[in-house]
């Protein structure tokens, strides 16, 4: 088992180095700290703009809906985040009315960790299932996907009962989970904010979501079949709790750009 303190300090240093780049003017967008460390649950950040109930911040741990993965839940300052949406390379947060924030204010953002971790586990379970489906059904076409906290789904254009493949897919997915492989997640094009994930079984897969560090964190994958319409098949994906320790720092202080833990 890795040393928790070592993991935390390494990730904090990389994030703080990124903040220095922002100060130097080399980054002109919302810095997505959820890519730097998707296990961070609190962060001190500076407000960069305010438009009524909408605000933007210099850097964020708060994921906004994209690629089928639902947004995080949580707070910024003393206000609940009602919506998080992408506008280009910025992320705009809609807060409750009366938040009282102004540009330049420092705020603490906090995300619902149970929800984030559930989304990450289901997200990567869905990624593995999709890649295995592609391996076994070469002509199949994905037409939709959604990742929520309780389940994920993938919709396909396919004229046969897809559940025939479930025993094979579940067995191969189980081997990947049991192997507890490292999941590599990085930029393929940092300027364009294009990212990928990679494990041993598959080539690099483009994806800008929040990813686990190891496949063993997924837990046991269960599949269910639904038929949403003629010529369409849906796989619903569920995960059971994992016995693998998640690489998370629950006692790590919130980070601010000045390199100090928020009190």
Protein backbone atom coordinates (compact mmCIF):
# COMPACT_ATOMS: atom_id res chain seq x y z
CA UNK A 1 0.00 0.00 0.00
CA UNK A 2 1.48 3.40 -0.93
CA UNK A 3 2.25 5.94 1.77
CA UNK A 4 -0.64 8.42 1.89
CA UNK A 5 1.50 11.35 2.98
CA UNK A 6 3.93 10.85 0.10
CA UNK A 7 1.11 10.73 -2.45
CA UNK A 8 -0.46 13.90 -1.04
CA UNK A 9 2.75 15.92 -0.98
CA UNK A 10 3.65 14.95 -4.53
CA UNK A 11 0.27 16.03 -5.87
CA UNK A 12 0.22 19.26 -3.86
CA UNK A 13 3.61 20.27 -5.29
CA UNK A 14 2.47 19.74 -8.89
CA UNK A 15 -0.66 21.78 -8.30
CA UNK A 16 1.23 24.63 -6.63
CA UNK A 17 3.72 24.69 -9.52
CA UNK A 18 0.75 25.10 -11.87
CA UNK A 19 -0.48 28.06 -9.82
CA UNK A 20 2.86 29.78 -10.29
CA UNK A 21 2.36 29.56 -14.07
CA UNK A 22 -0.97 31.33 -13.67
CA UNK A 23 0.72 34.15 -11.73
CA UNK A 24 3.30 34.49 -14.50
CA UNK A 25 0.58 34.90 -17.12
CA UNK A 26 1.26 31.69 -19.06
CA UNK A 27 -2.25 30.36 -18.46
CA UNK A 28 -5.35 32.34 -19.48
CA UNK A 29 -8.24 30.06 -18.60
CA UNK A 30 -9.79 28.24 -15.69
CA UNK A 31 -7.11 25.89 -14.41
CA UNK A 32 -8.68 22.44 -14.09
CA UNK A 33 -7.15 21.13 -10.89
CA UNK A 34 -9.55 18.17 -11.08
CA UNK A 35 -7.23 16.87 -13.80
CA UNK A 36 -4.11 17.51 -11.71
CA UNK A 37 -5.59 15.69 -8.70
CA UNK A 38 -9.13 14.31 -8.99
CA UNK A 39 -8.96 13.20 -5.33
CA UNK A 40 -8.72 16.74 -3.95
CA UNK A 41 -11.97 17.77 -2.25
CA UNK A 42 -11.20 21.33 -1.07
CA UNK A 43 -9.38 24.23 -2.67
CA UNK A 44 -8.82 27.93 -2.02
CA UNK A 45 -9.30 29.87 -5.26
CA UNK A 46 -9.68 33.48 -6.39
CA UNK A 47 -12.80 34.79 -8.11
CA UNK A 48 -11.98 36.21 -11.56
CA UNK A 49 -15.40 37.44 -12.72
CA UNK A 50 -18.93 37.94 -11.41
CA UNK A 51 -22.05 38.30 -13.58
CA UNK A 52 -25.06 38.21 -11.32
CA UNK A 53 -25.25 34.69 -9.91
CA UNK A 54 -22.57 33.44 -12.33
CA UNK A 55 -18.92 33.47 -11.35
CA UNK A 56 -15.60 32.20 -12.68
CA UNK A 57 -12.51 31.31 -10.69
CA UNK A 58 -8.79 31.15 -11.43
CA UNK A 59 -8.57 27.42 -10.74
CA UNK A 60 -11.07 24.75 -9.82
CA UNK A 61 -11.63 21.24 -8.50
CA UNK A 62 -15.32 21.43 -9.44
CA UNK A 63 -16.01 19.35 -12.57
CA UNK A 64 -18.61 20.65 -15.03
CA UNK A 65 -20.87 18.34 -17.05
CA UNK A 66 -19.03 17.08 -20.14
CA UNK A 67 -18.74 13.91 -22.16
CA UNK A 68 -21.75 12.39 -20.44
CA UNK A 69 -20.26 12.71 -16.93
CA UNK A 70 -22.46 14.69 -14.56
CA UNK A 71 -21.16 17.73 -12.68
CA UNK A 72 -19.86 17.64 -9.16
CA UNK A 73 -22.01 18.86 -6.28
CA UNK A 74 -20.66 21.21 -3.64
CA UNK A 75 -20.16 24.78 -2.49
CA UNK A 76 -18.11 27.84 -3.38
CA UNK A 77 -17.71 30.16 -0.43
CA UNK A 78 -20.93 29.93 1.56
CA UNK A 79 -23.10 29.27 -1.49
CA UNK A 80 -24.29 26.03 -3.04
CA UNK A 81 -23.36 25.56 -6.69
CA UNK A 82 -26.58 25.24 -8.68
CA UNK A 83 -24.97 24.64 -12.07
CA UNK A 84 -21.51 24.21 -13.58
CA UNK A 85 -21.08 24.65 -17.32
CA UNK A 86 -18.23 24.99 -19.79
CA UNK A 87 -17.87 28.10 -21.93
CA UNK A 88 -14.85 27.50 -24.13
CA UNK A 89 -11.96 26.88 -21.77
CA UNK A 90 -13.69 28.64 -18.88
CA UNK A 91 -16.04 27.01 -16.40
CA UNK A 92 -18.95 29.12 -15.21
CA UNK A 93 -20.57 28.39 -11.85
CA UNK A 94 -24.10 29.52 -11.02
CA UNK A 95 -24.47 30.13 -7.30
CA UNK A 96 -27.43 30.74 -5.07
CA UNK A 97 -28.74 34.30 -5.16
CA UNK A 98 -27.08 36.67 -2.71
CA UNK A 99 -23.62 35.08 -2.72
CA UNK A 100 -21.98 38.50 -2.21
CA UNK A 101 -18.77 37.65 -4.09
CA UNK A 102 -16.73 40.08 -6.19
CA UNK A 103 -13.67 39.70 -8.46
CA UNK A 104 -10.50 39.22 -6.45
CA UNK A 105 -12.19 37.52 -3.50
CA UNK A 106 -10.62 34.33 -2.18
CA UNK A 107 -13.11 31.53 -1.66
CA UNK A 108 -13.00 27.95 -0.53
CA UNK A 109 -14.63 25.44 -2.84
CA UNK A 110 -15.65 22.04 -1.51
CA UNK A 111 -17.00 19.10 -3.49
CA UNK A 112 -19.14 16.17 -2.39
CA UNK A 113 -16.49 13.44 -2.28
CA UNK A 114 -18.88 10.48 -2.13
CA UNK A 115 -20.53 11.70 -5.33
CA UNK A 116 -17.21 12.45 -7.08
CA UNK A 117 -15.76 9.06 -6.24
CA UNK A 118 -18.93 7.28 -7.35
CA UNK A 119 -18.81 9.15 -10.66
CA UNK A 120 -15.14 8.27 -11.17
CA UNK A 121 -15.69 4.58 -10.48
CA UNK A 122 -18.70 4.35 -12.79
CA UNK A 123 -17.00 6.46 -15.43
CA UNK A 124 -14.03 4.15 -15.70
CA UNK A 125 -16.22 1.05 -15.49
CA UNK A 126 -18.13 2.41 -18.49
CA UNK A 127 -14.88 3.17 -20.33
CA UNK A 128 -13.69 -0.42 -19.90
CA UNK A 129 -17.04 -1.88 -20.94
CA UNK A 130 -17.13 0.31 -24.05
CA UNK A 131 -13.64 -0.66 -25.15
CA UNK A 132 -14.41 -4.36 -24.65
CA UNK A 133 -17.64 -4.02 -26.64
CA UNK A 134 -15.67 -2.43 -29.47
CA UNK A 135 -13.18 -5.30 -29.40
CA UNK A 136 -15.89 -7.96 -29.72
CA UNK A 137 -18.44 -6.16 -31.91
CA UNK A 138 -16.38 -4.31 -34.49
CA UNK A 139 -19.29 -2.79 -36.42
CA UNK A 140 -21.23 -1.51 -33.40
CA UNK A 141 -21.84 2.24 -33.06
CA UNK A 142 -22.12 4.18 -29.81
CA UNK A 143 -24.90 6.77 -29.96
CA UNK A 144 -25.00 8.05 -26.39
CA UNK A 145 -23.71 7.74 -22.85
CA UNK A 146 -24.41 9.10 -19.38
CA UNK A 147 -22.58 8.73 -16.08
CA UNK A 148 -24.50 9.46 -12.88
CA UNK A 149 -23.63 8.69 -9.26
CA UNK A 150 -25.69 5.50 -9.05
CA UNK A 151 -25.24 4.03 -12.54
CA UNK A 152 -23.82 4.61 -16.00
CA UNK A 153 -25.34 3.77 -19.35
CA UNK A 154 -24.09 3.41 -22.92
CA UNK A 155 -26.46 3.40 -25.89
CA UNK A 156 -25.64 1.64 -29.14
CA UNK A 157 -27.01 1.31 -32.62
CA UNK A 158 -27.26 -2.48 -32.79
CA UNK A 159 -29.89 -4.88 -34.07
CA UNK A 160 -29.27 -7.85 -31.77
CA UNK A 161 -29.65 -8.58 -28.07
CA UNK A 162 -26.38 -7.24 -26.67
CA UNK A 163 -26.71 -9.16 -23.40
CA UNK A 164 -25.37 -12.25 -25.23
CA UNK A 165 -21.94 -10.66 -24.83
CA UNK A 166 -22.28 -9.92 -21.12
CA UNK A 167 -20.57 -13.07 -19.74
CA UNK A 168 -17.47 -12.44 -21.88
CA UNK A 169 -17.35 -8.70 -21.21
CA UNK A 170 -17.86 -9.09 -17.47
CA UNK A 171 -15.15 -11.76 -17.19
CA UNK A 172 -12.62 -9.67 -19.13
CA UNK A 173 -13.56 -6.56 -17.14
CA UNK A 174 -13.13 -8.52 -13.89
CA UNK A 175 -9.58 -9.50 -14.87
CA UNK A 176 -8.71 -5.85 -15.56
CA UNK A 177 -10.15 -4.77 -12.21
CA UNK A 178 -8.44 -7.59 -10.30
CA UNK A 179 -5.09 -6.72 -11.90
CA UNK A 180 -5.31 -3.30 -10.19
CA UNK A 181 -3.41 -1.65 -13.01
CA UNK A 182 -2.21 1.93 -12.97
CA UNK A 183 -4.41 4.23 -15.04
CA UNK A 184 -2.40 6.80 -16.97
CA UNK A 185 -4.30 10.05 -17.57
CA UNK A 186 -2.59 12.98 -19.28
CA UNK A 187 -2.72 15.60 -22.02
CA UNK A 188 -2.40 14.66 -25.67
CA UNK A 189 -2.59 18.39 -26.52
CA UNK A 190 -2.34 20.69 -23.51
CA UNK A 191 -3.08 23.92 -25.42
CA UNK A 192 -6.33 22.43 -26.77
CA UNK A 193 -7.07 20.79 -23.40
CA UNK A 194 -7.33 17.37 -25.05
CA UNK A 195 -6.70 14.46 -22.72
CA UNK A 196 -6.57 10.67 -22.79
CA UNK A 197 -6.44 7.65 -20.51
CA UNK A 198 -4.44 4.47 -21.04
CA UNK A 199 -4.02 1.02 -19.49
CA UNK A 200 -2.20 -2.03 -20.76
CA UNK A 201 -5.09 -3.66 -22.64
CA UNK A 202 -6.04 -0.68 -24.81
CA UNK A 203 -4.49 2.02 -26.94
CA UNK A 204 -4.83 5.60 -25.71
CA UNK A 205 -8.49 6.57 -25.36
CA UNK A 206 -9.43 10.27 -25.69
CA UNK A 207 -11.31 11.46 -22.59
CA UNK A 208 -11.49 14.64 -20.51
CA UNK A 209 -13.22 13.23 -17.45
CA UNK A 210 -11.92 12.61 -13.92
CA UNK A 211 -10.14 9.28 -13.62
CA UNK A 212 -9.17 6.81 -10.93
CA UNK A 213 -5.53 6.03 -10.27
CA UNK A 214 -5.90 2.23 -10.39
CA UNK A 215 -8.39 -0.18 -11.94
CA UNK A 216 -8.89 -2.04 -8.65
CA UNK A 217 -10.77 0.95 -7.26
CA UNK A 218 -13.67 0.25 -9.64
CA UNK A 219 -14.96 -2.80 -7.77
CA UNK A 220 -17.16 -5.52 -9.21
CA UNK A 221 -18.96 -4.49 -12.41
CA UNK A 222 -22.55 -5.54 -13.06
CA UNK A 223 -24.31 -5.14 -16.41
CA UNK A 224 -27.98 -4.91 -17.32
CA UNK A 225 -29.58 -4.71 -20.74
CA UNK A 226 -32.36 -2.39 -21.88
CA UNK A 227 -33.93 -1.87 -25.28
CA UNK A 228 -34.63 1.87 -25.76
CA UNK A 229 -36.07 1.41 -29.26
CA UNK A 230 -35.90 -0.50 -32.51
CA UNK A 231 -32.33 -1.11 -33.61
CA UNK A 232 -30.96 0.22 -30.32
CA UNK A 233 -29.40 -1.45 -27.31
CA UNK A 234 -28.50 -0.01 -23.92
CA UNK A 235 -26.01 -1.32 -21.37
CA UNK A 236 -26.56 -0.13 -17.82
CA UNK A 237 -23.49 -0.36 -15.61
CA UNK A 238 -23.34 -0.68 -11.82
CA UNK A 239 -20.39 -1.14 -9.47
CA UNK A 240 -20.15 -2.71 -6.05
CA UNK A 241 -17.88 -1.34 -3.35
CA UNK A 242 -14.21 -2.02 -3.86
CA UNK A 243 -11.87 -3.46 -1.25
CA UNK A 244 -8.95 -1.53 -2.78
CA UNK A 245 -7.83 1.51 -0.80
CA UNK A 246 -8.49 4.65 -2.87
CA UNK A 247 -5.49 6.91 -3.34
CA UNK A 248 -7.16 9.82 -1.59
CA UNK A 249 -5.98 12.24 1.09
CA UNK A 250 -9.07 12.86 3.24
CA UNK A 251 -7.14 14.90 5.83
CA UNK A 252 -5.11 16.94 3.33
CA UNK A 253 -5.72 20.70 3.82
CA UNK A 254 -7.36 22.79 1.15
CA UNK A 255 -4.70 24.23 -1.12
CA UNK A 256 -4.27 27.85 -2.01
CA UNK A 257 -1.96 29.41 -4.57
CA UNK A 258 0.28 30.78 -1.86
CA UNK A 259 1.29 27.25 -0.87
CA UNK A 260 -0.37 27.26 2.52
CA UNK A 261 -3.10 25.03 3.91
CA UNK A 262 -6.34 26.90 4.44
CA UNK A 263 -7.29 27.00 8.08
